[in-house]
Amino acid sequence: MQTKLTRGFTVIELLVVMAVMGIVTTILVSGFPRFGELLVLDSQAQLIALAIRDIEQRAVSTLESPIGPPGQYQAPFGVHFNKADSRSYRLFSDAITPDNFFTAGEEVEIVPIERGVRIRNICKLNNAGDTCATDLDQLSVTYKRPNPIIEMRGATIGSCNPGPCVIINLGAGSYAIEIESKDSSLSRRVIMWTTGAVAIKKVP
């Protein structure tokens, strides 16, 4: 009775398979840090967008302002971004100096931007919404009951030096907060419209 022999793998075939697996593993491991940076950047952009939505909800609710004298239910709430403080942003109640722009002492919460992500640029976008038309040092976005009425106030480049910032009403349109990863290789835009919409997009 003849026994049928089953052919196995040769040493060369095993070495080839191991080499291919090693190459694939190297590619995956080398790309992991960049993938991690992308996840961190996207999560921080989402947190900024959620903070903007949170401030809008505070404005349309009947919450009393935690800033200033008691009994203030009509004070606008806002979020403030400052390029000089690129690692955080402020949620505030515009109850001390009601000018739709953040004033020291009006902060409700200072929100850190974590994991090495930072604000790269603040600007008003052009009519097409794809290019920065006016670069800003600072931007305050405020929401006031009952609509809510959305106001954009900013300080242009150099208008804060020296002395107090020159605050301008930026008017209707779309505004962008650009954030970048720790190594500056990746970036995202959090875009706010005066209609109330918020979106996250890649920087062109």
Protein backbone atom coordinates (compact mmCIF):
# COMPACT_ATOMS: atom_id res chain seq x y z
CA MET A 1 0.00 0.00 0.00
CA GLN A 2 1.46 3.29 -1.06
CA THR A 3 1.43 6.30 1.31
CA LYS A 4 0.68 9.68 -0.25
CA LEU A 5 3.22 12.26 0.83
CA THR A 6 2.04 15.86 1.48
CA ARG A 7 4.49 18.51 0.37
CA GLY A 8 5.33 21.14 3.03
CA PHE A 9 6.87 24.59 2.81
CA THR A 10 10.50 24.98 1.94
CA VAL A 11 12.83 27.08 4.03
CA ILE A 12 13.05 29.65 1.25
CA GLU A 13 9.23 29.99 1.10
CA LEU A 14 9.08 30.50 4.87
CA LEU A 15 11.80 33.13 4.71
CA VAL A 16 9.95 35.00 1.95
CA VAL A 17 6.70 34.99 3.96
CA MET A 18 8.51 36.21 7.07
CA ALA A 19 10.19 38.98 5.07
CA VAL A 20 6.85 40.16 3.65
CA MET A 21 5.28 40.14 7.11
CA GLY A 22 8.22 42.14 8.44
CA ILE A 23 7.82 44.78 5.72
CA VAL A 24 4.06 45.11 6.35
CA THR A 25 4.63 45.39 10.11
CA THR A 26 7.28 48.07 9.60
CA ILE A 27 4.93 50.11 7.41
CA LEU A 28 2.10 49.87 9.94
CA VAL A 29 4.30 50.76 12.92
CA SER A 30 5.95 53.70 11.11
CA GLY A 31 2.54 55.15 10.21
CA PHE A 32 1.04 54.78 13.67
CA PRO A 33 2.43 58.02 15.19
CA ARG A 34 0.95 60.09 12.35
CA PHE A 35 -2.38 58.29 12.71
CA GLY A 36 -2.31 59.05 16.43
CA GLU A 37 -1.58 62.74 15.73
CA LEU A 38 -4.55 62.84 13.35
CA LEU A 39 -6.88 61.34 15.97
CA VAL A 40 -5.73 63.86 18.58
CA LEU A 41 -6.17 66.78 16.17
CA ASP A 42 -9.67 65.68 15.15
CA SER A 43 -10.73 65.17 18.77
CA GLN A 44 -9.55 68.67 19.76
CA ALA A 45 -11.40 70.18 16.78
CA GLN A 46 -14.54 68.34 17.87
CA LEU A 47 -14.16 69.66 21.42
CA ILE A 48 -13.90 73.25 20.15
CA ALA A 49 -17.04 72.77 18.03
CA LEU A 50 -18.87 71.28 21.04
CA ALA A 51 -17.78 74.21 23.23
CA ILE A 52 -19.25 76.64 20.69
CA ARG A 53 -22.52 74.68 20.72
CA ASP A 54 -22.49 74.58 24.52
CA ILE A 55 -22.13 78.36 24.74
CA GLU A 56 -25.02 78.77 22.29
CA GLN A 57 -27.20 76.55 24.46
CA ARG A 58 -26.31 78.55 27.57
CA ALA A 59 -27.31 81.74 25.78
CA VAL A 60 -30.75 80.52 24.70
CA SER A 61 -31.54 78.99 28.09
CA THR A 62 -32.61 80.89 31.19
CA LEU A 63 -29.31 80.43 33.01
CA GLU A 64 -28.24 83.27 35.24
CA SER A 65 -24.88 84.74 34.37
CA PRO A 66 -22.26 83.53 36.87
CA ILE A 67 -20.32 86.76 36.26
CA GLY A 68 -21.19 90.19 37.62
CA PRO A 69 -24.07 91.17 39.90
CA PRO A 70 -26.83 88.59 40.56
CA GLY A 71 -30.05 88.51 38.56
CA GLN A 72 -28.52 88.82 35.08
CA TYR A 73 -30.42 86.50 32.75
CA GLN A 74 -29.99 88.43 29.50
CA ALA A 75 -26.19 88.69 29.40
CA PRO A 76 -24.67 87.20 26.23
CA PHE A 77 -22.48 84.12 26.49
CA GLY A 78 -19.49 83.70 24.24
CA VAL A 79 -16.28 81.92 23.35
CA HIS A 80 -13.01 83.79 22.91
CA PHE A 81 -9.90 82.78 20.97
CA ASN A 82 -6.50 84.48 21.19
CA LYS A 83 -3.47 83.61 19.05
CA ALA A 84 -1.16 84.75 21.85
CA ASP A 85 -2.75 82.09 24.07
CA SER A 86 -2.67 79.30 21.51
CA ARG A 87 -3.06 76.44 24.02
CA SER A 88 -6.50 77.38 25.39
CA TYR A 89 -9.70 79.32 24.77
CA ARG A 90 -12.25 80.95 27.06
CA LEU A 91 -15.95 80.55 27.60
CA PHE A 92 -17.29 83.79 28.99
CA SER A 93 -20.36 85.76 29.99
CA ASP A 94 -20.34 89.32 28.64
CA ALA A 95 -21.67 90.76 31.87
CA ILE A 96 -18.94 93.15 33.05
CA THR A 97 -18.30 95.16 29.89
CA PRO A 98 -21.27 94.45 27.55
CA ASP A 99 -19.47 95.00 24.25
CA ASN A 100 -19.68 91.48 22.74
CA PHE A 101 -15.94 91.05 23.32
CA PHE A 102 -14.14 89.19 26.08
CA THR A 103 -12.88 91.29 28.99
CA ALA A 104 -10.59 89.94 31.71
CA GLY A 105 -12.73 88.69 34.57
CA GLU A 106 -15.63 87.56 32.36
CA GLU A 107 -14.37 83.99 31.93
CA VAL A 108 -16.73 81.21 32.95
CA GLU A 109 -14.25 78.50 32.03
CA ILE A 110 -10.75 78.31 30.56
CA VAL A 111 -10.60 75.28 28.28
CA PRO A 112 -7.14 73.84 27.55
CA ILE A 113 -6.20 72.58 24.11
CA GLU A 114 -4.36 69.38 24.91
CA ARG A 115 -1.86 66.88 23.53
CA GLY A 116 0.35 69.46 21.84
CA VAL A 117 -2.38 70.83 19.55
CA ARG A 118 -2.40 74.63 19.26
CA ILE A 119 -4.18 77.48 17.51
CA ARG A 120 -2.31 78.38 14.33
CA ASN A 121 -4.50 81.09 12.87
CA ILE A 122 -7.75 83.01 13.39
CA CYS A 123 -9.41 84.70 10.45
CA LYS A 124 -12.53 85.81 8.63
CA LEU A 125 -12.96 83.79 5.43
CA ASN A 126 -13.67 85.18 1.97
CA ASN A 127 -17.11 84.96 0.36
CA ALA A 128 -16.28 81.54 -1.08
CA GLY A 129 -15.39 80.34 2.41
CA ASP A 130 -12.09 78.72 1.40
CA THR A 131 -9.42 81.37 2.02
CA CYS A 132 -8.60 83.68 4.91
CA ALA A 133 -9.51 87.25 3.94
CA THR A 134 -8.80 89.02 7.26
CA ASP A 135 -6.29 87.65 9.77
CA LEU A 136 -7.11 88.29 13.42
CA ASP A 137 -5.19 88.29 16.69
CA GLN A 138 -8.35 87.65 18.72
CA LEU A 139 -11.96 86.67 18.07
CA SER A 140 -15.01 86.72 20.35
CA VAL A 141 -18.17 84.94 19.27
CA THR A 142 -21.19 85.86 21.41
CA TYR A 143 -24.75 84.53 21.52
CA LYS A 144 -27.60 86.50 23.04
CA ARG A 145 -31.17 85.47 23.76
CA PRO A 146 -33.72 84.92 22.42
CA ASN A 147 -32.78 84.27 18.75
CA PRO A 148 -29.87 83.82 19.55
CA ILE A 149 -28.30 86.92 18.05
CA ILE A 150 -24.76 86.00 16.96
CA GLU A 151 -22.12 88.70 17.09
CA MET A 152 -18.52 88.52 15.89
CA ARG A 153 -16.01 90.93 17.35
CA GLY A 154 -12.31 90.78 16.62
CA ALA A 155 -8.97 92.46 17.05
CA THR A 156 -6.86 92.65 13.91
CA ILE A 157 -3.15 91.94 13.73
CA GLY A 158 -1.17 94.51 15.72
CA SER A 159 -4.22 96.42 16.99
CA CYS A 160 -3.53 95.31 20.58
CA ASN A 161 0.04 96.68 20.66
CA PRO A 162 0.46 98.93 22.44
CA GLY A 163 -2.46 99.45 24.80
CA PRO A 164 -6.00 98.04 24.67
CA CYS A 165 -7.18 96.15 21.61
CA VAL A 166 -9.07 98.02 18.91
CA ILE A 167 -12.29 95.99 18.72
CA ILE A 168 -14.11 95.87 15.40
CA ASN A 169 -17.51 94.51 14.40
CA LEU A 170 -16.62 91.92 11.78
CA GLY A 171 -20.15 91.56 10.42
CA ALA A 172 -21.83 88.60 8.78
CA GLY A 173 -19.88 85.79 7.18
CA SER A 174 -17.80 82.78 8.12
CA TYR A 175 -14.88 82.65 10.54
CA ALA A 176 -12.18 80.03 11.03
CA ILE A 177 -10.10 78.82 13.94
CA GLU A 178 -7.19 76.86 12.49
CA ILE A 179 -5.49 74.35 14.77
CA GLU A 180 -2.41 72.27 14.05
CA SER A 181 -0.79 69.12 15.40
CA LYS A 182 2.26 69.05 17.65
CA ASP A 183 4.67 68.72 14.72
CA SER A 184 2.69 71.22 12.56
CA SER A 185 2.25 68.61 9.81
CA LEU A 186 -1.54 68.33 10.19
CA SER A 187 -4.21 71.00 10.53
CA ARG A 188 -7.96 71.47 10.78
CA ARG A 189 -10.38 74.38 10.51
CA VAL A 190 -13.29 74.90 12.86
CA ILE A 191 -15.58 77.16 10.84
CA MET A 192 -18.35 79.27 12.40
CA TRP A 193 -21.03 81.09 10.44
CA THR A 194 -23.08 84.00 11.74
CA THR A 195 -26.10 81.89 10.82
CA GLY A 196 -25.18 79.62 13.74
CA ALA A 197 -23.71 76.69 11.79
CA VAL A 198 -20.41 75.09 12.84
CA ALA A 199 -18.27 72.71 10.76
CA ILE A 200 -14.84 71.07 10.81
CA LYS A 201 -12.86 70.94 7.57
CA LYS A 202 -9.35 70.31 6.32
CA VAL A 203 -7.22 73.38 5.66
CA PRO A 204 -6.91 73.76 1.85
